[in-house]
Amino acid sequence: MAVTDLPRAMLIDMDDTILSAYGRPEIAWNTITTEFAAELAPLPPDMVATALLAYARQFWSTPSRSGGSSSARRGG
């Protein structure tokens, strides 16, 4: 299947500052995955949102990624 209708721009939230900054990322991810349900098929939107949230929580629970240690803030 060829992709013919590409977006003009894409916003990538690599560090969760956009979706997590407001304290309720589950609302944002559920809204986004519902909006893109056709593109995510056959996976249900709620399953994708749950997986994204679980991965983000696991990823940011590591002190070196979350800024929880002094060595992370110093860059080493």
N, C-alpha and C. Protein backbone atom coordinates (compact mmCIF):
# COMPACT_ATOMS: atom_id res chain seq x y z
N MET A 1 0.84 -1.17 0.00
CA MET A 1 0.00 0.00 0.00
C MET A 1 0.90 1.24 0.00
N ALA A 2 0.72 2.10 -0.95
CA ALA A 2 1.50 3.33 -1.05
C ALA A 2 0.82 4.46 -0.28
N VAL A 3 1.62 5.25 0.40
CA VAL A 3 1.10 6.41 1.11
C VAL A 3 1.15 7.59 0.15
N THR A 4 -0.02 8.17 -0.12
CA THR A 4 -0.07 9.27 -1.07
C THR A 4 -0.39 10.61 -0.43
N ASP A 5 -1.10 10.60 0.68
CA ASP A 5 -1.49 11.84 1.35
C ASP A 5 -0.65 12.04 2.59
N LEU A 6 0.53 12.58 2.42
CA LEU A 6 1.41 12.81 3.54
C LEU A 6 1.07 14.14 4.22
N PRO A 7 1.27 14.20 5.54
CA PRO A 7 1.02 15.47 6.24
C PRO A 7 2.06 16.51 5.84
N ARG A 8 1.69 17.77 5.94
CA ARG A 8 2.63 18.85 5.63
C ARG A 8 3.67 18.98 6.72
N ALA A 9 3.32 18.59 7.94
CA ALA A 9 4.25 18.67 9.06
C ALA A 9 3.90 17.58 10.06
N MET A 10 4.87 17.28 10.93
CA MET A 10 4.64 16.27 11.96
C MET A 10 5.28 16.77 13.25
N LEU A 11 4.57 16.65 14.33
CA LEU A 11 5.06 17.03 15.63
C LEU A 11 5.39 15.75 16.39
N ILE A 12 6.65 15.59 16.78
CA ILE A 12 7.07 14.39 17.48
C ILE A 12 7.47 14.78 18.90
N ASP A 13 6.81 14.17 19.86
CA ASP A 13 7.03 14.47 21.28
C ASP A 13 8.00 13.44 21.87
N MET A 14 9.28 13.62 21.60
CA MET A 14 10.29 12.64 22.00
C MET A 14 10.49 12.54 23.51
N ASP A 15 10.21 13.59 24.24
CA ASP A 15 10.46 13.55 25.68
C ASP A 15 9.20 13.74 26.52
N ASP A 16 8.04 13.55 25.92
CA ASP A 16 6.75 13.63 26.62
C ASP A 16 6.48 14.99 27.24
N THR A 17 7.13 16.04 26.77
CA THR A 17 6.87 17.36 27.35
C THR A 17 5.55 17.93 26.90
N ILE A 18 5.05 17.51 25.76
CA ILE A 18 3.79 18.05 25.26
C ILE A 18 2.61 17.32 25.88
N LEU A 19 2.59 15.99 25.77
CA LEU A 19 1.44 15.24 26.25
C LEU A 19 1.45 15.02 27.76
N SER A 20 2.61 14.90 28.38
CA SER A 20 2.65 14.68 29.82
C SER A 20 2.73 15.96 30.63
N ALA A 21 3.06 17.03 30.00
CA ALA A 21 3.25 18.29 30.72
C ALA A 21 1.98 18.76 31.41
N TYR A 22 0.86 18.30 30.97
CA TYR A 22 -0.40 18.80 31.51
C TYR A 22 -1.08 17.84 32.48
N GLY A 23 -0.38 16.80 32.89
CA GLY A 23 -0.85 15.93 33.95
C GLY A 23 -1.87 14.87 33.57
N ARG A 24 -2.44 14.91 32.40
CA ARG A 24 -3.44 13.92 31.99
C ARG A 24 -3.13 13.39 30.59
N PRO A 25 -1.97 12.76 30.40
CA PRO A 25 -1.61 12.29 29.06
C PRO A 25 -2.57 11.23 28.52
N GLU A 26 -3.26 10.50 29.41
CA GLU A 26 -4.18 9.47 28.93
C GLU A 26 -5.31 10.08 28.11
N ILE A 27 -5.76 11.26 28.48
CA ILE A 27 -6.82 11.92 27.70
C ILE A 27 -6.30 12.26 26.31
N ALA A 28 -5.10 12.82 26.26
CA ALA A 28 -4.52 13.19 24.96
C ALA A 28 -4.28 11.97 24.09
N TRP A 29 -3.67 10.92 24.66
CA TRP A 29 -3.39 9.73 23.85
C TRP A 29 -4.68 9.04 23.39
N ASN A 30 -5.69 8.97 24.23
CA ASN A 30 -6.97 8.37 23.81
C ASN A 30 -7.62 9.19 22.70
N THR A 31 -7.54 10.49 22.78
CA THR A 31 -8.09 11.35 21.73
C THR A 31 -7.34 11.13 20.42
N ILE A 32 -6.02 11.12 20.49
CA ILE A 32 -5.20 10.96 19.28
C ILE A 32 -5.41 9.59 18.65
N THR A 33 -5.39 8.54 19.46
CA THR A 33 -5.54 7.20 18.88
C THR A 33 -6.94 6.97 18.34
N THR A 34 -7.94 7.59 18.93
CA THR A 34 -9.29 7.50 18.39
C THR A 34 -9.38 8.21 17.05
N GLU A 35 -8.74 9.37 16.97
CA GLU A 35 -8.75 10.13 15.72
C GLU A 35 -8.06 9.36 14.58
N PHE A 36 -7.04 8.60 14.92
CA PHE A 36 -6.29 7.86 13.91
C PHE A 36 -6.60 6.37 13.92
N ALA A 37 -7.80 6.02 14.34
CA ALA A 37 -8.20 4.61 14.45
C ALA A 37 -8.04 3.86 13.13
N ALA A 38 -8.39 4.48 12.02
CA ALA A 38 -8.29 3.80 10.72
C ALA A 38 -6.84 3.48 10.39
N GLU A 39 -5.93 4.39 10.71
CA GLU A 39 -4.52 4.17 10.42
C GLU A 39 -3.89 3.14 11.37
N LEU A 40 -4.44 3.02 12.56
CA LEU A 40 -3.91 2.09 13.55
C LEU A 40 -4.50 0.68 13.43
N ALA A 41 -5.55 0.54 12.66
CA ALA A 41 -6.22 -0.75 12.49
C ALA A 41 -5.22 -1.79 12.00
N PRO A 42 -5.32 -2.98 12.48
CA PRO A 42 -6.44 -3.58 13.22
C PRO A 42 -6.37 -3.41 14.73
N LEU A 43 -5.39 -2.68 15.24
CA LEU A 43 -5.31 -2.48 16.68
C LEU A 43 -6.36 -1.48 17.15
N PRO A 44 -7.06 -1.79 18.23
CA PRO A 44 -8.05 -0.85 18.75
C PRO A 44 -7.37 0.37 19.38
N PRO A 45 -7.94 1.55 19.20
CA PRO A 45 -7.32 2.77 19.72
C PRO A 45 -7.00 2.72 21.21
N ASP A 46 -7.89 2.16 22.02
CA ASP A 46 -7.64 2.12 23.46
C ASP A 46 -6.44 1.24 23.80
N MET A 47 -6.22 0.18 23.02
CA MET A 47 -5.07 -0.69 23.24
C MET A 47 -3.77 0.05 22.91
N VAL A 48 -3.77 0.82 21.83
CA VAL A 48 -2.59 1.58 21.45
C VAL A 48 -2.29 2.66 22.49
N ALA A 49 -3.31 3.37 22.94
CA ALA A 49 -3.12 4.41 23.96
C ALA A 49 -2.58 3.81 25.24
N THR A 50 -3.11 2.68 25.67
CA THR A 50 -2.65 2.02 26.89
C THR A 50 -1.19 1.60 26.75
N ALA A 51 -0.82 1.06 25.60
CA ALA A 51 0.57 0.64 25.37
C ALA A 51 1.52 1.83 25.37
N LEU A 52 1.12 2.92 24.73
CA LEU A 52 1.96 4.12 24.71
C LEU A 52 2.17 4.67 26.12
N LEU A 53 1.10 4.74 26.88
CA LEU A 53 1.21 5.25 28.26
C LEU A 53 2.08 4.36 29.13
N ALA A 54 1.92 3.04 29.00
CA ALA A 54 2.72 2.11 29.78
C ALA A 54 4.20 2.24 29.43
N TYR A 55 4.50 2.34 28.15
CA TYR A 55 5.89 2.48 27.74
C TYR A 55 6.48 3.80 28.23
N ALA A 56 5.73 4.88 28.10
CA ALA A 56 6.22 6.18 28.55
C ALA A 56 6.48 6.19 30.05
N ARG A 57 5.59 5.60 30.82
CA ARG A 57 5.78 5.55 32.28
C ARG A 57 7.02 4.74 32.63
N GLN A 58 7.21 3.61 31.95
CA GLN A 58 8.38 2.77 32.20
C GLN A 58 9.64 3.50 31.79
N PHE A 59 9.63 4.13 30.64
CA PHE A 59 10.79 4.84 30.12
C PHE A 59 11.21 5.97 31.07
N TRP A 60 10.24 6.78 31.51
CA TRP A 60 10.55 7.94 32.35
C TRP A 60 10.75 7.58 33.81
N SER A 61 10.51 6.34 34.20
CA SER A 61 10.75 5.93 35.58
C SER A 61 12.23 5.68 35.84
N THR A 62 13.04 5.59 34.79
CA THR A 62 14.48 5.42 34.92
C THR A 62 15.10 6.75 35.32
N PRO A 63 15.79 6.81 36.47
CA PRO A 63 16.33 8.09 36.96
C PRO A 63 17.17 8.86 35.94
N SER A 64 17.97 8.17 35.17
CA SER A 64 18.84 8.88 34.21
C SER A 64 18.04 9.56 33.11
N ARG A 65 16.83 9.08 32.85
CA ARG A 65 15.99 9.70 31.82
C ARG A 65 15.11 10.79 32.39
N SER A 66 14.74 10.66 33.64
CA SER A 66 13.79 11.61 34.23
C SER A 66 14.48 12.77 34.92
N GLY A 67 15.80 12.76 34.94
CA GLY A 67 16.52 13.83 35.65
C GLY A 67 16.58 13.59 37.13
N GLY A 68 16.28 12.35 37.56
CA GLY A 68 16.24 12.03 38.97
C GLY A 68 17.59 11.84 39.63
N SER A 69 18.67 11.85 38.85
CA SER A 69 19.99 11.72 39.46
C SER A 69 20.86 12.89 39.05
N SER A 70 21.80 13.23 39.88
CA SER A 70 22.66 14.37 39.58
C SER A 70 23.53 14.10 38.37
N SER A 71 23.92 12.83 38.12
CA SER A 71 24.76 12.54 36.98
C SER A 71 24.00 12.76 35.68
N ALA A 72 22.69 12.53 35.68
CA ALA A 72 21.90 12.75 34.46
C ALA A 72 21.85 14.24 34.13
N ARG A 73 21.73 15.06 35.16
CA ARG A 73 21.67 16.50 34.91
C ARG A 73 23.00 17.06 34.42
N ARG A 74 24.09 16.40 34.81
CA ARG A 74 25.41 16.85 34.38
C ARG A 74 25.78 16.29 33.01
N GLY A 75 24.92 15.41 32.47
CA GLY A 75 25.20 14.84 31.16
C GLY A 75 26.09 13.63 31.21
N GLY A 76 26.21 12.98 32.34
CA GLY A 76 27.05 11.80 32.40
C GLY A 76 26.76 11.04 33.58
